[in-house]
Amino acid sequence: YIPAAVSVFTKNRELAELFVDFLASEKSREIFRKYGYFTTPEEAFEYVGSVKPIGGVYKTSIEEWTGEK
């Protein structure tokens, strides 16, 4: 999955759409995979091993961040 969209403010919609089409192509996915990026949710799940929670609320203190009191 490679998120991409054509901006409503683009000056060349045709080229922008061609670029988005390229990003969705198998050739593009090969390039992304070559550099370690996931191109599908299945690839990410395979790497992680299972579904994991993302995000949340974390309570921290300045001491945890800086090591100072």
PDB file of N, CA and C in Angstrom:
ATOM      1  N   TYR A   1       0.842  -1.178   0.000  1.00  0.00           N
ATOM      2  CA  TYR A   1       0.000   0.000   0.000  1.00  0.00           C
ATOM      3  C   TYR A   1       0.881   1.232   0.000  1.00  0.00           C
ATOM      4  N   ILE A   2       0.811   2.019  -1.038  1.00  0.00           N
ATOM      5  CA  ILE A   2       1.560   3.264  -1.151  1.00  0.00           C
ATOM      6  C   ILE A   2       0.538   4.391  -1.244  1.00  0.00           C
ATOM      7  N   PRO A   3       0.366   5.154  -0.162  1.00  0.00           N
ATOM      8  CA  PRO A   3      -0.641   6.223  -0.209  1.00  0.00           C
ATOM      9  C   PRO A   3      -0.202   7.350  -1.134  1.00  0.00           C
ATOM     10  N   ALA A   4      -1.059   7.721  -2.030  1.00  0.00           N
ATOM     11  CA  ALA A   4      -0.779   8.819  -2.962  1.00  0.00           C
ATOM     12  C   ALA A   4      -2.098   9.365  -3.478  1.00  0.00           C
ATOM     13  N   ALA A   5      -2.079  10.629  -3.833  1.00  0.00           N
ATOM     14  CA  ALA A   5      -3.276  11.267  -4.374  1.00  0.00           C
ATOM     15  C   ALA A   5      -2.857  12.428  -5.253  1.00  0.00           C
ATOM     16  N   VAL A   6      -3.763  12.864  -6.078  1.00  0.00           N
ATOM     17  CA  VAL A   6      -3.537  14.029  -6.933  1.00  0.00           C
ATOM     18  C   VAL A   6      -4.157  15.236  -6.244  1.00  0.00           C
ATOM     19  N   SER A   7      -3.351  16.246  -6.026  1.00  0.00           N
ATOM     20  CA  SER A   7      -3.833  17.464  -5.377  1.00  0.00           C
ATOM     21  C   SER A   7      -4.799  18.217  -6.284  1.00  0.00           C
ATOM     22  N   VAL A   8      -5.791  18.833  -5.684  1.00  0.00           N
ATOM     23  CA  VAL A   8      -6.715  19.664  -6.464  1.00  0.00           C
ATOM     24  C   VAL A   8      -6.003  20.907  -6.991  1.00  0.00           C
ATOM     25  N   PHE A   9      -4.831  21.220  -6.445  1.00  0.00           N
ATOM     26  CA  PHE A   9      -4.080  22.404  -6.858  1.00  0.00           C
ATOM     27  C   PHE A   9      -2.992  22.095  -7.885  1.00  0.00           C
ATOM     28  N   THR A  10      -2.941  20.851  -8.363  1.00  0.00           N
ATOM     29  CA  THR A  10      -1.893  20.486  -9.307  1.00  0.00           C
ATOM     30  C   THR A  10      -1.985  21.312 -10.583  1.00  0.00           C
ATOM     31  N   LYS A  11      -0.823  21.611 -11.155  1.00  0.00           N
ATOM     32  CA  LYS A  11      -0.789  22.375 -12.403  1.00  0.00           C
ATOM     33  C   LYS A  11      -0.830  21.460 -13.618  1.00  0.00           C
ATOM     34  N   ASN A  12      -0.565  20.159 -13.397  1.00  0.00           N
ATOM     35  CA  ASN A  12      -0.584  19.226 -14.518  1.00  0.00           C
ATOM     36  C   ASN A  12      -1.241  17.923 -14.060  1.00  0.00           C
ATOM     37  N   ARG A  13      -2.554  17.905 -14.093  1.00  0.00           N
ATOM     38  CA  ARG A  13      -3.322  16.756 -13.608  1.00  0.00           C
ATOM     39  C   ARG A  13      -2.945  15.472 -14.344  1.00  0.00           C
ATOM     40  N   GLU A  14      -2.760  15.548 -15.645  1.00  0.00           N
ATOM     41  CA  GLU A  14      -2.457  14.336 -16.417  1.00  0.00           C
ATOM     42  C   GLU A  14      -1.159  13.686 -15.941  1.00  0.00           C
ATOM     43  N   LEU A  15      -0.096  14.480 -15.771  1.00  0.00           N
ATOM     44  CA  LEU A  15       1.169  13.918 -15.295  1.00  0.00           C
ATOM     45  C   LEU A  15       1.053  13.419 -13.859  1.00  0.00           C
ATOM     46  N   ALA A  16       0.320  14.144 -13.031  1.00  0.00           N
ATOM     47  CA  ALA A  16       0.129  13.720 -11.646  1.00  0.00           C
ATOM     48  C   ALA A  16      -0.594  12.373 -11.597  1.00  0.00           C
ATOM     49  N   GLU A  17      -1.608  12.206 -12.414  1.00  0.00           N
ATOM     50  CA  GLU A  17      -2.340  10.938 -12.451  1.00  0.00           C
ATOM     51  C   GLU A  17      -1.457   9.811 -12.972  1.00  0.00           C
ATOM     52  N   LEU A  18      -0.608  10.109 -13.950  1.00  0.00           N
ATOM     53  CA  LEU A  18       0.325   9.095 -14.451  1.00  0.00           C
ATOM     54  C   LEU A  18       1.306   8.673 -13.359  1.00  0.00           C
ATOM     55  N   PHE A  19       1.766   9.641 -12.560  1.00  0.00           N
ATOM     56  CA  PHE A  19       2.687   9.321 -11.469  1.00  0.00           C
ATOM     57  C   PHE A  19       2.006   8.437 -10.425  1.00  0.00           C
ATOM     58  N   VAL A  20       0.777   8.748 -10.068  1.00  0.00           N
ATOM     59  CA  VAL A  20       0.038   7.917  -9.116  1.00  0.00           C
ATOM     60  C   VAL A  20      -0.164   6.518  -9.697  1.00  0.00           C
ATOM     61  N   ASP A  21      -0.460   6.428 -10.979  1.00  0.00           N
ATOM     62  CA  ASP A  21      -0.588   5.122 -11.630  1.00  0.00           C
ATOM     63  C   ASP A  21       0.723   4.347 -11.542  1.00  0.00           C
ATOM     64  N   PHE A  22       1.842   5.044 -11.751  1.00  0.00           N
ATOM     65  CA  PHE A  22       3.147   4.394 -11.642  1.00  0.00           C
ATOM     66  C   PHE A  22       3.363   3.865 -10.224  1.00  0.00           C
ATOM     67  N   LEU A  23       3.016   4.677  -9.220  1.00  0.00           N
ATOM     68  CA  LEU A  23       3.198   4.241  -7.835  1.00  0.00           C
ATOM     69  C   LEU A  23       2.406   2.977  -7.522  1.00  0.00           C
ATOM     70  N   ALA A  24       1.299   2.771  -8.216  1.00  0.00           N
ATOM     71  CA  ALA A  24       0.462   1.590  -8.001  1.00  0.00           C
ATOM     72  C   ALA A  24       0.913   0.393  -8.839  1.00  0.00           C
ATOM     73  N   SER A  25       1.922   0.579  -9.681  1.00  0.00           N
ATOM     74  CA  SER A  25       2.355  -0.481 -10.595  1.00  0.00           C
ATOM     75  C   SER A  25       3.276  -1.489  -9.906  1.00  0.00           C
ATOM     76  N   GLU A  26       3.401  -2.651 -10.512  1.00  0.00           N
ATOM     77  CA  GLU A  26       4.295  -3.680  -9.988  1.00  0.00           C
ATOM     78  C   GLU A  26       5.744  -3.210 -10.034  1.00  0.00           C
ATOM     79  N   LYS A  27       6.130  -2.473 -11.058  1.00  0.00           N
ATOM     80  CA  LYS A  27       7.502  -1.944 -11.154  1.00  0.00           C
ATOM     81  C   LYS A  27       7.819  -1.068  -9.944  1.00  0.00           C
ATOM     82  N   SER A  28       6.893  -0.203  -9.579  1.00  0.00           N
ATOM     83  CA  SER A  28       7.082   0.654  -8.410  1.00  0.00           C
ATOM     84  C   SER A  28       7.177  -0.183  -7.138  1.00  0.00           C
ATOM     85  N   ARG A  29       6.330  -1.176  -7.009  1.00  0.00           N
ATOM     86  CA  ARG A  29       6.363  -2.035  -5.819  1.00  0.00           C
ATOM     87  C   ARG A  29       7.707  -2.742  -5.693  1.00  0.00           C
ATOM     88  N   GLU A  30       8.269  -3.161  -6.821  1.00  0.00           N
ATOM     89  CA  GLU A  30       9.591  -3.792  -6.802  1.00  0.00           C
ATOM     90  C   GLU A  30      10.630  -2.829  -6.232  1.00  0.00           C
ATOM     91  N   ILE A  31      10.559  -1.569  -6.640  1.00  0.00           N
ATOM     92  CA  ILE A  31      11.501  -0.557  -6.152  1.00  0.00           C
ATOM     93  C   ILE A  31      11.309  -0.343  -4.653  1.00  0.00           C
ATOM     94  N   PHE A  32      10.068  -0.191  -4.208  1.00  0.00           N
ATOM     95  CA  PHE A  32       9.813   0.000  -2.781  1.00  0.00           C
ATOM     96  C   PHE A  32      10.295  -1.201  -1.979  1.00  0.00           C
ATOM     97  N   ARG A  33      10.020  -2.418  -2.454  1.00  0.00           N
ATOM     98  CA  ARG A  33      10.467  -3.627  -1.746  1.00  0.00           C
ATOM     99  C   ARG A  33      11.988  -3.679  -1.660  1.00  0.00           C
ATOM    100  N   LYS A  34      12.658  -3.284  -2.741  1.00  0.00           N
ATOM    101  CA  LYS A  34      14.128  -3.293  -2.785  1.00  0.00           C
ATOM    102  C   LYS A  34      14.710  -2.487  -1.628  1.00  0.00           C
ATOM    103  N   TYR A  35      14.035  -1.418  -1.247  1.00  0.00           N
ATOM    104  CA  TYR A  35      14.530  -0.547  -0.183  1.00  0.00           C
ATOM    105  C   TYR A  35      13.834  -0.780   1.159  1.00  0.00           C
ATOM    106  N   GLY A  36      13.182  -1.935   1.282  1.00  0.00           N
ATOM    107  CA  GLY A  36      12.653  -2.357   2.571  1.00  0.00           C
ATOM    108  C   GLY A  36      11.279  -1.850   2.953  1.00  0.00           C
ATOM    109  N   TYR A  37      10.535  -1.320   1.995  1.00  0.00           N
ATOM    110  CA  TYR A  37       9.186  -0.831   2.291  1.00  0.00           C
ATOM    111  C   TYR A  37       8.154  -1.916   2.021  1.00  0.00           C
ATOM    112  N   PHE A  38       7.095  -1.922   2.813  1.00  0.00           N
ATOM    113  CA  PHE A  38       5.978  -2.835   2.573  1.00  0.00           C
ATOM    114  C   PHE A  38       5.079  -2.218   1.514  1.00  0.00           C
ATOM    115  N   THR A  39       4.560  -3.059   0.632  1.00  0.00           N
ATOM    116  CA  THR A  39       3.662  -2.549  -0.405  1.00  0.00           C
ATOM    117  C   THR A  39       2.246  -3.086  -0.267  1.00  0.00           C
ATOM    118  N   THR A  40       2.054  -4.012   0.653  1.00  0.00           N
ATOM    119  CA  THR A  40       0.711  -4.536   0.919  1.00  0.00           C
ATOM    120  C   THR A  40       0.568  -4.768   2.423  1.00  0.00           C
ATOM    121  N   PRO A  41      -0.648  -4.753   2.921  1.00  0.00           N
ATOM    122  CA  PRO A  41      -0.845  -5.096   4.340  1.00  0.00           C
ATOM    123  C   PRO A  41      -0.339  -6.505   4.656  1.00  0.00           C
ATOM    124  N   GLU A  42      -0.481  -7.423   3.715  1.00  0.00           N
ATOM    125  CA  GLU A  42      -0.033  -8.798   3.928  1.00  0.00           C
ATOM    126  C   GLU A  42       1.472  -8.860   4.174  1.00  0.00           C
ATOM    127  N   GLU A  43       2.253  -8.065   3.433  1.00  0.00           N
ATOM    128  CA  GLU A  43       3.704  -8.032   3.649  1.00  0.00           C
ATOM    129  C   GLU A  43       4.030  -7.515   5.050  1.00  0.00           C
ATOM    130  N   ALA A  44       3.314  -6.504   5.490  1.00  0.00           N
ATOM    131  CA  ALA A  44       3.539  -5.954   6.828  1.00  0.00           C
ATOM    132  C   ALA A  44       3.173  -6.987   7.894  1.00  0.00           C
ATOM    133  N   PHE A  45       2.030  -7.661   7.750  1.00  0.00           N
ATOM    134  CA  PHE A  45       1.615  -8.676   8.719  1.00  0.00           C
ATOM    135  C   PHE A  45       2.624  -9.821   8.769  1.00  0.00           C
ATOM    136  N   GLU A  46       3.135 -10.214   7.605  1.00  0.00           N
ATOM    137  CA  GLU A  46       4.121 -11.292   7.561  1.00  0.00           C
ATOM    138  C   GLU A  46       5.371 -10.895   8.339  1.00  0.00           C
ATOM    139  N   TYR A  47       5.804  -9.660   8.210  1.00  0.00           N
ATOM    140  CA  TYR A  47       6.998  -9.173   8.898  1.00  0.00           C
ATOM    141  C   TYR A  47       6.766  -9.077  10.409  1.00  0.00           C
ATOM    142  N   VAL A  48       5.619  -8.529  10.802  1.00  0.00           N
ATOM    143  CA  VAL A  48       5.315  -8.309  12.216  1.00  0.00           C
ATOM    144  C   VAL A  48       4.961  -9.622  12.914  1.00  0.00           C
ATOM    145  N   GLY A  49       4.342 -10.523  12.201  1.00  0.00           N
ATOM    146  CA  GLY A  49       3.988 -11.808  12.771  1.00  0.00           C
ATOM    147  C   GLY A  49       2.546 -11.925  13.200  1.00  0.00           C
ATOM    148  N   SER A  50       1.894 -10.825  13.443  1.00  0.00           N
ATOM    149  CA  SER A  50       0.478 -10.822  13.799  1.00  0.00           C
ATOM    150  C   SER A  50       0.005  -9.378  13.850  1.00  0.00           C
ATOM    151  N   VAL A  51      -1.281  -9.209  14.006  1.00  0.00           N
ATOM    152  CA  VAL A  51      -1.836  -7.862  14.113  1.00  0.00           C
ATOM    153  C   VAL A  51      -1.415  -7.274  15.459  1.00  0.00           C
ATOM    154  N   LYS A  52      -0.897  -6.055  15.448  1.00  0.00           N
ATOM    155  CA  LYS A  52      -0.470  -5.361  16.663  1.00  0.00           C
ATOM    156  C   LYS A  52      -1.259  -4.067  16.801  1.00  0.00           C
ATOM    157  N   PRO A  53      -1.523  -3.632  18.044  1.00  0.00           N
ATOM    158  CA  PRO A  53      -2.202  -2.344  18.220  1.00  0.00           C
ATOM    159  C   PRO A  53      -1.285  -1.202  17.794  1.00  0.00           C
ATOM    160  N   ILE A  54      -1.884  -0.172  17.235  1.00  0.00           N
ATOM    161  CA  ILE A  54      -1.135   1.005  16.799  1.00  0.00           C
ATOM    162  C   ILE A  54      -1.728   2.216  17.497  1.00  0.00           C
ATOM    163  N   GLY A  55      -0.867   3.096  17.943  1.00  0.00           N
ATOM    164  CA  GLY A  55      -1.338   4.321  18.580  1.00  0.00           C
ATOM    165  C   GLY A  55      -1.732   4.085  20.019  1.00  0.00           C
ATOM    166  N   GLY A  56      -2.345   5.096  20.606  1.00  0.00           N
ATOM    167  CA  GLY A  56      -2.789   4.989  21.980  1.00  0.00           C
ATOM    168  C   GLY A  56      -2.388   6.210  22.775  1.00  0.00           C
ATOM    169  N   VAL A  57      -2.666   6.152  24.059  1.00  0.00           N
ATOM    170  CA  VAL A  57      -2.320   7.233  24.977  1.00  0.00           C
ATOM    171  C   VAL A  57      -1.270   6.691  25.932  1.00  0.00           C
ATOM    172  N   TYR A  58      -0.185   7.410  26.060  1.00  0.00           N
ATOM    173  CA  TYR A  58       0.909   6.978  26.915  1.00  0.00           C
ATOM    174  C   TYR A  58       1.178   8.037  27.970  1.00  0.00           C
ATOM    175  N   LYS A  59       1.269   7.604  29.225  1.00  0.00           N
ATOM    176  CA  LYS A  59       1.590   8.526  30.307  1.00  0.00           C
ATOM    177  C   LYS A  59       3.097   8.484  30.515  1.00  0.00           C
ATOM    178  N   THR A  60       3.726   9.633  30.433  1.00  0.00           N
ATOM    179  CA  THR A  60       5.164   9.724  30.648  1.00  0.00           C
ATOM    180  C   THR A  60       5.454  10.930  31.523  1.00  0.00           C
ATOM    181  N   SER A  61       6.654  10.974  32.008  1.00  0.00           N
ATOM    182  CA  SER A  61       7.082  12.128  32.785  1.00  0.00           C
ATOM    183  C   SER A  61       8.363  12.670  32.175  1.00  0.00           C
ATOM    184  N   ILE A  62       8.705  13.893  32.505  1.00  0.00           N
ATOM    185  CA  ILE A  62       9.919  14.504  31.967  1.00  0.00           C
ATOM    186  C   ILE A  62      11.149  13.702  32.375  1.00  0.00           C
ATOM    187  N   GLU A  63      11.097  13.068  33.554  1.00  0.00           N
ATOM    188  CA  GLU A  63      12.228  12.262  33.995  1.00  0.00           C
ATOM    189  C   GLU A  63      12.474  11.081  33.055  1.00  0.00           C
ATOM    190  N   GLU A  64      11.396  10.478  32.582  1.00  0.00           N
ATOM    191  CA  GLU A  64      11.549   9.351  31.664  1.00  0.00           C
ATOM    192  C   GLU A  64      12.196   9.780  30.360  1.00  0.00           C
ATOM    193  N   TRP A  65      11.915  10.995  29.927  1.00  0.00           N
ATOM    194  CA  TRP A  65      12.459  11.480  28.658  1.00  0.00           C
ATOM    195  C   TRP A  65      13.898  11.954  28.790  1.00  0.00           C
ATOM    196  N   THR A  66      14.203  12.622  29.913  1.00  0.00           N
ATOM    197  CA  THR A  66      15.520  13.249  30.038  1.00  0.00           C
ATOM    198  C   THR A  66      16.451  12.528  30.987  1.00  0.00           C
ATOM    199  N   GLY A  67      15.904  11.688  31.866  1.00  0.00           N
ATOM    200  CA  GLY A  67      16.719  11.034  32.873  1.00  0.00           C
ATOM    201  C   GLY A  67      17.022  11.950  34.048  1.00  0.00           C
ATOM    202  N   GLU A  68      16.503  13.173  34.016  1.00  0.00           N
ATOM    203  CA  GLU A  68      16.735  14.147  35.087  1.00  0.00           C
ATOM    204  C   GLU A  68      15.540  14.197  36.022  1.00  0.00           C
ATOM    205  N   LYS A  69      15.790  14.654  37.235  1.00  0.00           N
ATOM    206  CA  LYS A  69      14.701  14.819  38.209  1.00  0.00           C
ATOM    207  C   LYS A  69      14.573  16.257  38.609  1.00  0.00           C
TER     208      LYS A  69
END
